[in-house]
Protein backbone atom coordinates (compact mmCIF):
# COMPACT_ATOMS: atom_id res chain seq x y z
CA MET A 1 25.18 75.43 122.67
CA SER A 2 26.19 77.38 119.10
CA GLN A 3 29.47 78.85 118.68
CA THR A 4 28.71 82.65 118.75
CA SER A 5 27.18 81.81 122.26
CA GLU A 6 30.59 80.68 123.39
CA LEU A 7 32.05 83.66 122.23
CA ASP A 8 29.54 85.89 123.76
CA LEU A 9 29.34 84.28 126.81
CA LYS A 10 33.40 84.76 127.45
CA GLN A 11 33.27 88.33 126.06
CA LEU A 12 30.28 88.72 129.05
CA TYR A 13 32.28 87.14 131.71
CA ASP A 14 35.41 88.82 131.04
CA SER A 15 33.75 92.38 130.93
CA TYR A 16 32.60 91.10 134.51
CA SER A 17 35.95 89.58 135.87
CA PRO A 18 38.95 91.09 136.59
CA PRO A 19 42.58 90.21 134.97
CA ARG A 20 45.11 88.57 136.55
CA ILE A 21 46.79 91.85 137.99
CA GLN A 22 48.57 90.04 141.01
CA ASN A 23 52.17 91.60 141.53
CA ALA A 24 52.04 93.83 138.72
CA ILE A 25 52.03 97.64 138.00
CA VAL A 26 48.37 98.94 136.86
CA LYS A 27 46.74 102.77 136.13
CA GLY A 28 44.37 103.30 138.56
CA VAL A 29 41.69 106.30 139.34
CA VAL A 30 41.67 108.34 142.79
CA ILE A 31 37.95 108.01 143.75
CA ALA A 32 37.79 109.55 146.93
CA VAL A 33 40.42 110.82 149.65
CA ASP A 34 39.79 110.81 153.82
CA ARG A 35 42.16 111.78 156.46
CA SER A 36 44.13 108.90 156.17
CA GLU A 37 43.58 106.61 153.49
CA VAL A 38 43.41 106.89 149.41
CA LEU A 39 41.07 105.19 147.53
CA VAL A 40 41.60 104.00 144.31
CA SER A 41 40.12 101.75 141.08
CA ILE A 42 41.66 99.72 139.14
CA GLY A 43 38.75 98.72 137.11
CA HIS A 44 36.75 95.55 136.97
CA LYS A 45 34.92 96.99 139.95
CA ALA A 46 38.50 96.35 142.04
CA GLU A 47 39.54 98.90 144.47
CA GLY A 48 42.06 99.21 146.96
CA ARG A 49 43.05 101.42 149.73
CA ILE A 50 46.40 103.32 149.78
CA PRO A 51 47.58 105.65 153.22
CA LEU A 52 48.10 108.60 152.67
CA SER A 53 51.45 108.45 153.78
CA GLU A 54 52.97 107.32 150.55
CA TRP A 55 52.52 110.55 149.00
CA GLY A 56 55.69 113.05 150.12
CA SER A 57 55.12 116.26 151.71
CA ASP A 58 56.74 117.76 148.70
CA GLU A 59 54.23 116.08 146.14
CA GLY A 60 51.01 117.33 147.39
CA LEU A 61 48.01 115.46 148.41
CA PRO A 62 45.87 113.72 145.99
CA HIS A 63 42.63 114.54 144.34
CA PRO A 64 39.42 112.59 143.01
CA GLY A 65 40.09 111.85 139.49
CA ASP A 66 43.83 111.82 139.40
CA GLU A 67 45.47 108.52 137.37
CA ILE A 68 48.33 107.12 139.00
CA GLU A 69 50.17 103.68 139.14
CA VAL A 70 49.61 101.10 141.77
CA TYR A 71 51.24 97.81 142.39
CA VAL A 72 48.83 94.96 143.04
CA GLU A 73 50.65 92.98 146.11
CA THR A 74 47.10 90.60 146.37
CA ALA A 75 43.57 90.59 144.99
CA ASP A 76 42.10 88.57 147.56
CA SER A 77 42.21 89.70 150.63
CA GLN A 78 40.43 89.01 153.53
CA ASP A 79 37.65 91.98 153.54
CA GLY A 80 37.33 91.60 149.44
CA GLY A 81 39.32 94.55 148.19
CA LEU A 82 42.89 94.94 146.79
CA ARG A 83 45.72 95.28 148.52
CA ILE A 84 47.75 97.74 146.55
CA SER A 85 50.93 100.05 146.66
CA ARG A 86 51.14 103.07 145.10
CA ARG A 87 55.49 103.43 146.57
CA LEU A 88 56.18 99.85 145.85
CA ALA A 89 54.79 100.67 142.28
CA HIS A 90 56.82 103.98 141.98
CA SER A 91 60.04 101.66 143.35
CA LEU A 92 59.78 99.42 141.07
CA ARG A 93 59.05 101.93 138.19
CA THR A 94 62.14 103.33 139.02
CA TRP A 95 64.40 100.34 139.20
CA GLN A 96 63.33 99.49 135.26
CA LEU A 97 64.06 102.89 134.75
CA ILE A 98 67.91 102.77 136.37
CA GLN A 99 68.39 99.09 134.48
CA GLN A 100 67.44 100.97 131.25
CA ALA A 101 69.58 103.72 131.90
CA LEU A 102 72.61 101.49 132.45
CA HIS A 103 71.23 98.44 129.41
CA GLU A 104 71.57 101.62 126.75
CA ASP A 105 73.61 103.63 127.94
CA ILE A 106 71.47 106.78 128.92
CA PRO A 107 71.47 109.46 131.94
CA ILE A 108 69.50 109.23 134.77
CA GLU A 109 68.11 112.29 137.26
CA GLY A 110 69.15 112.65 140.70
CA ILE A 111 69.00 114.71 144.08
CA ILE A 112 72.01 114.19 146.42
CA ARG A 113 70.37 114.28 149.76
CA ARG A 114 73.76 113.89 151.92
CA ARG A 115 77.31 112.63 152.51
CA THR A 116 78.53 109.27 153.19
CA LYS A 117 82.01 107.59 153.85
CA GLY A 118 83.93 108.33 150.29
CA GLY A 119 81.32 110.35 148.77
CA PHE A 120 77.57 110.80 148.52
CA VAL A 121 73.79 109.34 148.13
CA VAL A 122 72.16 110.17 145.52
CA ASP A 123 68.27 109.57 145.71
CA ILE A 124 66.66 108.60 142.20
CA GLY A 125 62.98 108.42 142.39
CA GLY A 126 63.31 106.97 146.10
CA ILE A 127 66.07 104.42 145.38
CA GLU A 128 69.18 105.62 147.32
CA ALA A 129 72.14 105.64 144.20
CA PHE A 130 76.47 105.63 145.19
CA LEU A 131 78.27 108.61 144.31
CA PRO A 132 81.64 108.12 144.60
CA GLY A 133 83.66 111.60 145.52
CA SER A 134 86.03 110.74 142.96
CA GLN A 135 82.88 110.77 140.06
CA VAL A 136 81.43 114.21 141.27
CA ASP A 137 83.41 116.29 138.76
CA ILE A 138 86.62 116.33 136.50
CA LYS A 139 88.15 118.67 138.65
CA PRO A 140 88.65 117.11 142.08
CA LEU A 141 86.76 118.68 144.84
CA ARG A 142 89.11 119.77 147.67
CA SER A 143 87.27 121.89 150.34
CA SER A 144 84.11 121.52 152.99
CA ASP A 145 82.42 123.88 151.29
CA SER A 146 82.33 122.27 148.07
CA TYR A 147 80.46 118.99 149.42
CA GLU A 148 77.98 121.48 151.33
CA GLU A 149 77.11 123.52 147.85
CA LEU A 150 76.63 119.93 146.55
CA LEU A 151 73.78 118.81 149.01
CA GLY A 152 70.22 119.15 147.56
CA LYS A 153 71.37 119.70 143.85
CA ARG A 154 69.55 118.05 141.21
CA MET A 155 71.93 116.78 138.65
CA ARG A 156 71.94 114.24 135.51
CA PHE A 157 74.03 110.65 136.08
CA LYS A 158 74.99 107.75 134.42
CA VAL A 159 74.58 104.64 135.58
CA VAL A 160 78.00 102.92 135.91
CA LYS A 161 77.04 99.58 138.02
CA ILE A 162 73.90 97.72 139.74
CA ASN A 163 73.89 94.99 142.04
CA PRO A 164 70.20 93.64 141.44
CA ALA A 165 70.83 90.75 144.18
CA GLN A 166 71.19 93.92 147.08
CA TYR A 167 70.03 96.91 145.11
CA ASN A 168 73.13 98.42 145.07
CA VAL A 169 73.22 101.61 142.24
CA VAL A 170 76.39 103.68 141.67
CA VAL A 171 76.27 106.80 139.23
CA SER A 172 79.20 109.22 138.20
CA HIS A 173 78.48 112.78 137.21
CA LYS A 174 81.78 113.10 135.74
CA ALA A 175 81.66 110.36 132.76
CA LEU A 176 78.99 112.38 131.64
CA MET A 177 80.82 115.43 131.59
CA GLU A 178 84.06 113.23 130.12
CA GLU A 179 81.99 112.37 127.36
CA GLU A 180 80.25 115.85 126.95
CA LEU A 181 84.11 117.16 126.65
CA ALA A 182 84.75 114.76 124.51
CA ARG A 183 82.09 115.29 121.78
CA GLN A 184 83.13 118.73 122.11
CA LYS A 185 86.64 118.30 121.90
CA GLU A 186 85.89 116.45 118.25
CA ARG A 187 84.25 118.92 117.21
CA ILE A 188 86.15 121.64 117.55
CA LEU A 189 88.82 119.35 116.35
CA ASN A 190 86.87 118.80 113.38
CA ILE A 191 87.27 123.09 112.80
CA LEU A 192 90.55 123.76 113.70
CA GLU A 193 93.39 124.94 110.96
CA ARG A 194 96.81 125.73 111.74
CA GLY A 195 97.39 129.36 111.67
CA GLN A 196 93.82 130.02 113.27
CA VAL A 197 93.89 132.44 116.07
CA LEU A 198 92.42 131.54 118.94
CA GLU A 199 91.97 133.19 123.00
CA GLY A 200 92.09 130.88 126.21
CA THR A 201 93.22 131.32 129.68
CA VAL A 202 96.01 129.82 131.81
CA LYS A 203 95.42 126.63 133.07
CA ASN A 204 98.46 125.76 134.32
CA VAL A 205 102.27 126.59 134.58
CA ALA A 206 105.14 124.40 134.15
CA SER A 207 109.30 124.96 133.58
CA PHE A 208 108.31 123.85 129.90
CA GLY A 209 106.06 125.69 129.45
CA ILE A 210 101.83 126.95 129.81
CA PHE A 211 98.60 125.06 129.44
CA VAL A 212 96.14 127.03 127.79
CA ASP A 213 92.38 125.76 128.54
CA LEU A 214 90.69 126.53 124.90
CA GLY A 215 86.77 127.51 125.81
CA GLY A 216 86.90 124.28 128.69
CA VAL A 217 86.53 122.12 126.26
CA MET A 218 90.27 121.14 125.48
CA ASP A 219 93.80 122.83 126.58
CA GLY A 220 96.54 123.31 124.31
CA LEU A 221 100.32 123.77 125.56
CA VAL A 222 102.85 127.03 124.38
CA HIS A 223 106.13 125.43 124.94
CA VAL A 224 108.70 127.81 126.28
CA SER A 225 110.68 128.69 123.43
CA ASP A 226 107.35 129.83 121.88
CA LEU A 227 106.17 131.93 124.13
CA SER A 228 108.49 135.01 123.26
CA TRP A 229 111.10 136.03 120.97
CA GLY A 230 113.52 136.96 123.89
CA ARG A 231 115.00 134.44 126.28
CA VAL A 232 112.63 133.04 129.07
CA SER A 233 114.07 131.53 132.19
CA HIS A 234 110.86 130.42 133.66
CA PRO A 235 107.53 131.19 132.33
CA GLU A 236 105.72 131.75 135.26
CA ASP A 237 108.00 135.57 134.72
CA LEU A 238 105.81 136.33 132.30
CA TYR A 239 102.33 134.47 133.12
CA LYS A 240 99.87 133.47 135.72
CA ILE A 241 96.96 130.66 136.25
CA GLY A 242 93.91 132.43 135.49
CA ASP A 243 95.48 135.33 132.62
CA LYS A 244 93.50 135.62 128.92
CA VAL A 245 96.22 134.99 126.11
CA GLN A 246 95.69 134.98 122.36
CA VAL A 247 97.27 132.31 120.70
CA VAL A 248 97.66 130.98 117.21
CA VAL A 249 97.64 127.23 116.20
CA LEU A 250 100.94 125.99 115.48
CA ASP A 251 100.08 122.27 115.02
CA TYR A 252 97.03 119.97 116.19
CA ASP A 253 96.54 116.21 116.13
CA PRO A 254 93.18 115.24 116.01
CA ASP A 255 93.49 111.09 116.69
CA SER A 256 95.45 112.20 119.85
CA GLY A 257 93.88 115.53 120.62
CA ARG A 258 97.16 117.02 121.11
CA VAL A 259 97.51 121.12 120.39
CA ASN A 260 99.93 122.65 120.16
CA LEU A 261 100.56 126.92 120.65
CA GLY A 262 102.61 129.58 120.21
CA ILE A 263 102.36 133.17 121.93
CA LYS A 264 105.59 134.56 120.13
CA GLN A 265 104.41 133.71 116.65
CA LEU A 266 101.37 136.76 116.73
CA GLN A 267 104.54 138.69 116.85
CA PRO A 268 106.99 139.30 114.01
CA ASN A 269 110.57 137.50 114.45
CA PRO A 270 112.91 140.32 115.27
CA TRP A 271 115.76 138.58 113.31
CA GLU A 272 113.48 139.59 110.26
CA ALA A 273 113.32 143.63 111.03
CA PRO A 274 116.33 144.58 112.89
CA PRO A 275 116.75 148.05 114.26
CA ASP A 276 119.02 150.14 111.96
CA TRP A 277 121.39 150.60 114.31
CA LEU A 278 121.90 147.41 114.81
CA GLN A 279 125.06 146.46 112.61
CA VAL A 280 128.38 145.97 112.15
CA GLY A 281 130.78 148.02 114.11
CA ALA A 282 128.17 149.78 116.13
CA VAL A 283 128.66 149.99 119.80
CA VAL A 284 126.12 148.20 121.75
CA GLU A 285 124.68 147.26 125.33
CA GLY A 286 122.97 144.42 126.54
CA THR A 287 122.08 141.54 129.29
CA ILE A 288 124.21 139.11 130.00
CA VAL A 289 121.67 135.78 129.94
CA ALA A 290 123.92 132.87 129.65
CA ILE A 291 127.61 132.25 130.65
CA ALA A 292 130.05 128.82 129.16
CA ASP A 293 133.31 128.16 128.71
CA TYR A 294 133.76 129.35 125.15
CA GLY A 295 131.76 132.78 125.66
CA ILE A 296 129.22 134.81 126.48
CA THR A 297 125.49 134.64 125.63
CA VAL A 298 123.98 138.56 125.33
CA GLU A 299 120.59 139.76 124.76
CA ILE A 300 120.87 143.06 122.68
CA ILE A 301 116.68 143.40 122.17
CA PRO A 302 113.95 140.62 122.96
CA GLY A 303 114.58 138.14 120.25
CA ILE A 304 118.20 138.87 119.36
CA GLU A 305 121.25 137.61 120.85
CA GLY A 306 124.72 137.88 120.28
CA LEU A 307 127.92 135.26 121.11
CA LEU A 308 130.83 137.21 123.15
CA PRO A 309 133.38 134.71 122.12
CA VAL A 310 135.66 134.64 125.50
CA PHE A 311 138.88 135.18 123.04
CA GLU A 312 137.07 138.47 122.53
CA LEU A 313 137.14 139.61 125.94
CA SER A 314 140.73 140.85 126.44
CA TRP A 315 143.65 141.38 124.26
CA SER A 316 145.48 139.07 126.58
CA ALA A 317 146.43 135.63 125.21
CA THR A 318 146.07 134.04 128.60
CA PRO A 319 142.09 132.62 128.56
CA VAL A 320 140.08 135.15 130.86
CA GLU A 321 137.77 132.72 134.02
CA VAL A 322 134.71 134.10 132.50
CA SER A 323 132.58 133.05 135.65
CA LYS A 324 134.87 135.40 137.97
CA LEU A 325 134.33 138.40 135.90
CA TYR A 326 131.00 138.37 134.81
CA LYS A 327 127.70 136.74 135.97
CA VAL A 328 123.68 136.51 134.82
CA GLY A 329 121.90 139.51 134.93
CA ASP A 330 124.87 141.75 134.35
CA ARG A 331 125.16 144.76 131.62
CA ILE A 332 127.93 144.60 129.38
CA GLN A 333 128.75 146.82 126.25
CA ALA A 334 130.33 145.25 123.46
CA LYS A 335 131.27 145.60 119.35
CA VAL A 336 129.47 143.92 116.72
CA ILE A 337 132.16 142.75 114.47
CA GLN A 338 129.91 140.09 112.98
CA PHE A 339 125.98 140.16 111.79
CA GLU A 340 123.95 137.85 109.70
CA PRO A 341 120.33 138.14 109.93
CA GLU A 342 119.83 135.71 107.67
CA THR A 343 121.47 133.00 109.78
CA GLN A 344 120.49 134.43 112.90
CA ARG A 345 124.13 135.29 113.96
CA LEU A 346 125.54 138.10 116.03
CA THR A 347 129.21 137.82 117.25
CA LEU A 348 130.22 140.70 119.72
CA SER A 349 133.96 141.97 120.91
CA VAL A 350 134.86 143.79 123.98
CA LYS A 351 138.76 143.97 123.50
CA GLN A 352 138.14 145.68 120.24
CA LEU A 353 135.81 148.67 122.10
CA SER A 354 139.99 149.31 122.75
CA PRO A 355 142.81 149.39 120.07
CA ASP A 356 144.94 146.60 119.65
CA PRO A 357 148.35 147.37 121.92
CA TRP A 358 150.39 145.38 119.67
CA LEU A 359 150.23 148.18 117.64
CA GLN A 360 152.20 150.44 119.73
CA ALA A 361 154.91 147.18 120.90
CA ALA A 362 157.38 148.79 118.31
CA ASP A 363 157.43 151.89 119.75
CA LYS A 364 156.95 150.93 123.78
CA TYR A 365 159.51 147.63 123.80
CA PRO A 366 162.40 148.29 121.88
CA VAL A 367 165.23 145.64 122.11
CA GLY A 368 167.09 146.11 124.50
CA SER A 369 164.31 148.33 127.33
CA THR A 370 163.76 146.87 130.20
CA HIS A 371 160.08 146.33 131.71
CA LYS A 372 157.94 144.90 134.44
CA GLY A 373 155.71 142.26 133.81
CA ILE A 374 153.23 139.58 135.63
CA VAL A 375 154.26 136.10 134.82
CA LYS A 376 151.31 134.65 134.10
CA ASN A 377 151.76 130.76 132.88
CA TYR A 378 155.17 128.45 132.45
CA THR A 379 155.40 125.06 130.62
CA ALA A 380 158.28 122.60 130.85
CA ILE A 381 160.52 125.22 128.00
CA GLY A 382 159.73 128.77 129.71
CA ALA A 383 157.80 131.14 131.41
CA PHE A 384 155.25 133.64 129.50
CA VAL A 385 155.22 137.18 131.44
CA GLU A 386 152.33 139.93 130.29
CA LEU A 387 153.88 143.30 130.43
CA GLU A 388 150.24 144.71 129.91
CA PRO A 389 146.90 143.23 129.15
CA GLY A 390 147.34 142.09 125.51
CA VAL A 391 150.89 142.20 125.60
CA GLU A 392 152.95 138.75 126.82
CA GLY A 393 156.45 137.61 125.88
CA PHE A 394 158.72 134.58 126.39
CA VAL A 395 161.15 133.80 128.68
CA ASN A 396 162.99 130.73 127.71
CA VAL A 397 164.43 128.89 130.60
CA ARG A 398 168.21 129.07 129.40
CA ASP A 399 167.17 132.72 130.08
CA LEU A 400 166.45 132.80 133.52
CA SER A 401 170.11 132.00 135.31
CA TRP A 402 173.66 132.32 134.73
CA ILE A 403 174.85 129.88 136.99
CA ARG A 404 172.42 127.33 137.06
CA ARG A 405 171.31 124.64 135.02
CA VAL A 406 167.08 125.48 135.63
CA ARG A 407 165.08 122.13 134.62
CA HIS A 408 161.67 123.89 135.09
CA PRO A 409 160.81 127.35 135.39
CA SER A 410 159.25 127.12 138.77
CA GLU A 411 162.02 126.89 140.40
CA ILE A 412 162.85 130.49 139.69
CA LEU A 413 159.57 131.85 139.30
CA GLN A 414 156.29 131.80 140.68
CA ARG A 415 152.45 132.74 139.21
CA GLY A 416 151.25 136.54 139.98
CA GLN A 417 154.82 137.26 140.41
CA GLU A 418 156.29 140.70 139.25
CA ILE A 419 159.24 140.73 137.82
CA GLU A 420 161.71 142.95 135.49
CA VAL A 421 162.50 141.36 132.37
CA VAL A 422 165.10 142.56 129.26
CA VAL A 423 163.50 142.03 125.98
CA LEU A 424 165.73 140.26 123.80
CA ASP A 425 163.67 139.90 120.08
CA LEU A 426 160.62 141.54 118.88
CA ASP A 427 158.20 139.80 116.08
CA VAL A 428 155.10 142.45 115.80
CA ALA A 429 154.12 140.76 112.97
CA ASN A 430 153.28 137.62 114.51
CA LYS A 431 152.77 138.99 117.83
CA ARG A 432 155.88 137.66 119.79
CA LEU A 433 158.23 139.05 122.12
CA ARG A 434 161.38 136.99 123.61
CA LEU A 435 162.56 138.16 127.11
CA GLY A 436 165.71 137.31 129.28
CA TYR A 437 165.61 137.27 132.86
CA LYS A 438 169.34 136.55 133.71
CA GLN A 439 170.27 139.71 130.94
CA LEU A 440 169.33 141.79 134.19
CA SER A 441 172.93 141.36 135.45
CA GLU A 442 176.31 140.85 133.96
CA ASP A 443 177.80 137.14 133.15
CA PRO A 444 179.49 136.16 135.91
CA TRP A 445 181.46 133.12 133.55
CA ASP A 446 184.54 135.51 133.95
CA MET A 447 184.49 135.41 137.68
CA ILE A 448 183.26 131.41 137.64
CA ARG A 449 185.94 130.56 135.65
CA SER A 450 188.52 132.68 138.52
CA VAL A 451 187.02 131.41 141.23
CA PHE A 452 186.88 127.68 140.49
CA GLN A 453 190.15 127.19 138.50
CA PRO A 454 191.00 123.50 137.57
CA ASP A 455 192.55 121.31 140.25
CA SER A 456 191.12 123.55 143.01
CA TYR A 457 189.07 122.20 146.07
CA HIS A 458 185.56 123.51 146.94
CA GLU A 459 182.80 121.74 149.43
CA GLY A 460 179.35 120.83 147.27
CA ILE A 461 175.95 119.42 147.86
CA ILE A 462 174.73 116.47 146.08
CA THR A 463 171.10 118.01 144.91
CA ARG A 464 170.62 115.03 141.91
CA ILE A 465 171.90 111.71 141.20
CA THR A 466 171.34 110.08 137.34
CA ASP A 467 172.86 106.76 135.57
CA ALA A 468 175.16 109.52 134.18
CA GLY A 469 176.39 111.14 137.75
CA ALA A 470 175.43 114.06 139.64
CA GLN A 471 174.23 117.61 139.86
CA VAL A 472 176.50 119.34 142.69
CA GLU A 473 175.84 122.54 144.08
CA LEU A 474 178.42 124.90 144.99
CA ALA A 475 179.30 128.19 146.48
CA PHE A 476 177.30 130.77 145.33
CA GLY A 477 174.45 128.78 143.72
CA VAL A 478 176.91 127.68 141.25
CA GLU A 479 176.39 124.28 139.69
CA GLY A 480 179.01 121.98 138.36
CA PHE A 481 178.56 118.21 137.20
CA CYS A 482 180.57 115.15 139.06
CA PRO A 483 180.22 112.11 136.08
CA MET A 484 179.68 108.43 137.45
CA HIS A 485 183.34 107.19 137.10
CA TYR A 486 184.30 110.13 139.22
CA LEU A 487 181.54 110.15 141.94
CA LYS A 488 183.06 107.17 143.51
CA PRO A 489 186.51 106.88 144.93
CA PRO A 490 188.00 104.02 146.02
CA SER A 491 187.11 101.50 149.15
CA SER A 492 184.30 104.46 149.38
CA GLU A 493 180.59 104.38 148.93
CA ILE A 494 178.36 106.78 146.74
CA PRO A 495 176.80 109.42 148.25
CA LYS A 496 173.25 110.49 148.99
CA GLU A 497 171.43 113.17 147.69
CA GLY A 498 171.73 115.93 150.14
CA GLU A 499 175.46 115.01 151.75
CA SER A 500 177.96 116.98 151.44
CA ALA A 501 181.28 115.98 149.90
CA LEU A 502 184.94 118.02 149.19
CA PHE A 503 185.17 117.99 145.00
CA LYS A 504 187.90 118.69 142.47
CA VAL A 505 187.49 121.01 139.44
CA ILE A 506 188.18 118.71 136.92
CA GLU A 507 187.76 121.04 133.65
CA LEU A 508 185.82 123.86 132.78
CA ASP A 509 183.55 123.06 129.47
CA GLU A 510 183.60 126.97 127.99
CA GLN A 511 181.11 125.68 125.09
CA ASN A 512 178.44 124.28 127.49
CA ARG A 513 179.62 126.41 130.79
CA THR A 514 179.25 123.63 132.68
CA ILE A 515 182.44 122.43 135.82
CA VAL A 516 183.26 119.17 135.97
CA LEU A 517 184.01 117.83 138.42
CA ALA A 518 185.75 114.50 140.44
CA GLN A 519 185.04 113.71 143.96
CA ALA A 520 187.85 114.53 146.37
CA ALA A 521 188.93 110.83 148.73
CA PRO A 522 188.02 111.37 152.52
CA ARG A 523 190.56 112.03 154.73
CA PRO A 524 190.85 108.13 156.21
CA ALA A 525 190.48 107.12 159.52
CA ARG A 526 192.47 108.26 162.31
CA LYS A 527 194.39 104.83 163.53
CA SER A 528 194.98 104.23 167.32
CA LYS A 529 198.59 104.44 168.38
CA LYS A 530 200.88 101.99 169.64
CA LYS A 531 203.66 102.13 171.51
CA GLY A 532 206.60 103.61 169.24
CA GLU A 533 204.05 104.41 166.36
CA GLU A 534 202.31 107.41 165.11
CA SER A 535 198.97 108.18 163.54
CA VAL A 536 198.84 108.74 159.81
CA GLU A 537 196.58 111.02 158.49
CA ALA A 538 196.54 111.70 154.62
CA ALA A 539 196.97 115.45 154.25
CA LEU A 540 194.56 117.24 151.72
CA PRO A 541 194.42 120.81 151.07
CA GLU A 542 191.49 122.80 152.63
CA PRO A 543 188.58 123.91 149.80
CA ARG A 544 188.67 127.56 148.12
CA THR A 545 184.59 127.40 148.95
CA ARG A 546 182.20 125.78 150.59
CA ALA A 547 178.32 125.08 149.89
CA VAL A 548 176.75 126.46 154.01
CA SER A 549 173.56 125.46 152.46
CA ARG A 550 170.97 124.20 149.55
CA GLN A 551 169.48 127.77 149.63
CA LYS A 552 169.21 128.55 146.08
CA LEU A 553 170.26 132.37 145.73
CA GLY A 554 169.21 134.50 142.82
CA ASP A 555 171.76 135.20 140.11
CA ILE A 556 171.78 138.77 141.15
CA GLU A 557 173.04 138.17 145.14
CA ALA A 558 175.12 135.18 143.82
CA ILE A 559 177.35 137.32 141.36
CA SER A 560 177.17 140.07 144.14
CA GLN A 561 179.33 137.58 146.29
CA LEU A 562 181.24 135.84 143.48
CA LYS A 563 182.29 140.05 142.85
CA ALA A 564 183.84 140.32 146.48
CA LEU A 565 185.88 137.00 146.53
CA PHE A 566 186.72 137.89 143.44
CA SER A 567 188.04 141.31 143.78
CA GLN A 568 189.68 139.76 147.20
CA GLN A 569 191.52 137.04 145.32
CA SER A 570 192.53 139.87 142.80
CA LYS A 571 193.95 141.68 145.90
């Protein structure tokens, strides 16, 4: 047989013999349709029957001449026909499309059929895939209504995972949305410019600012300092979620995608065009927006704030307790004493709304005049007394008492106490006023000299003992000093603080006005009498004055008692 004859014979055989199509998907043509089956020809005189139930109700009935894909399960059945399946062909073709979608990263369509634990079941051409609830949308689903609205909805998905062994498929709609948003965000970032004005929607409000949705593609942050030229306590005072706002692009970073926006920049800076009435010397009214130890911050107009230093609140030298007198939100009147728009500096004063009281001090407080005042404070060397707000004088500790050695003003005075004082010296230029307290009464030294004469005896109470000696409180609040070598008599112990004893006046120190004392020897103990003997007791003079208690008398009361005793002795 020639080579040509063999070739013709092979072609003739192929034309009458069906190809090896078992376990493969082939195309076929519908030949006939009856009540339960569909007759399909795949060529080469090979035909097979498919149950009509493999056509869904939503697809409609097939018609003769329709071309369909079928899966050949076996090419040699008992009846001589083919065992074919349209459903298997469709499932295998869909599975191939799913695998292609995963490997080539292309989206695929499906219908959300029902809810399941943790998500939804998606029908992709007859194959069920799992859609986790977290992968439905960029925004989390929060209500049951949102879940119900998704059922029966056709959507595009991204295949994120396949388990071929178990034919499990996991899809995500959120991933597609994120990719699309990223592409749109990149396009917008490429056309963004500083100074560009955009319109957006307030998406979120935080303590540090507001987030603005720029067309659903990307968000920008308006920091609280860029919301308004005025002071903003909290952004929610100005904006709420859903508000439409116009913003200006201040800065953006294409790499990180961060966009900084501003709102106040759409309005002129009030410091660059302040009102004409705002100038040095003007009396203005504003709202207290902040309080600190150093002063008060006052908002005059939105965007322009001034500092009211604590030393400009009152003419008084005593510091003002700001938090007790003022609170945030109060309206306050003040005078402008400094205004520099270039450096945004505004300084205010309340005390300068009234004249400086020291301007009239020379006429109101001449030397020798007597006035009432309030003890404001004291130090170790004296006390500050306020005669009127802004005018304070100082009482030296030496000018507190004629008859006592005062170690600290608190021994005589108390804060907040109203006392009467005498003006001793006035220096208007330096705003200094020296006051006296003991000068309200006459100098009692002559009477003290007459009562506490040398060699006279007096009872006293030891109030303080030092290495040098003891401080002794005598009658009428008069104090004396007993040196240590005079404090311990022979055959006795040193007395303790608070104990009373008999003292003898040794000396009157005229220069320092000090009474120098010596403790007198105590009476010896009474001896027991023996037959033919008498008891012996030293005879000491009776004290001229007695210290009744440790109560400290005021100078006026003590001097009054001294006068009475002095008058009695004179008579």
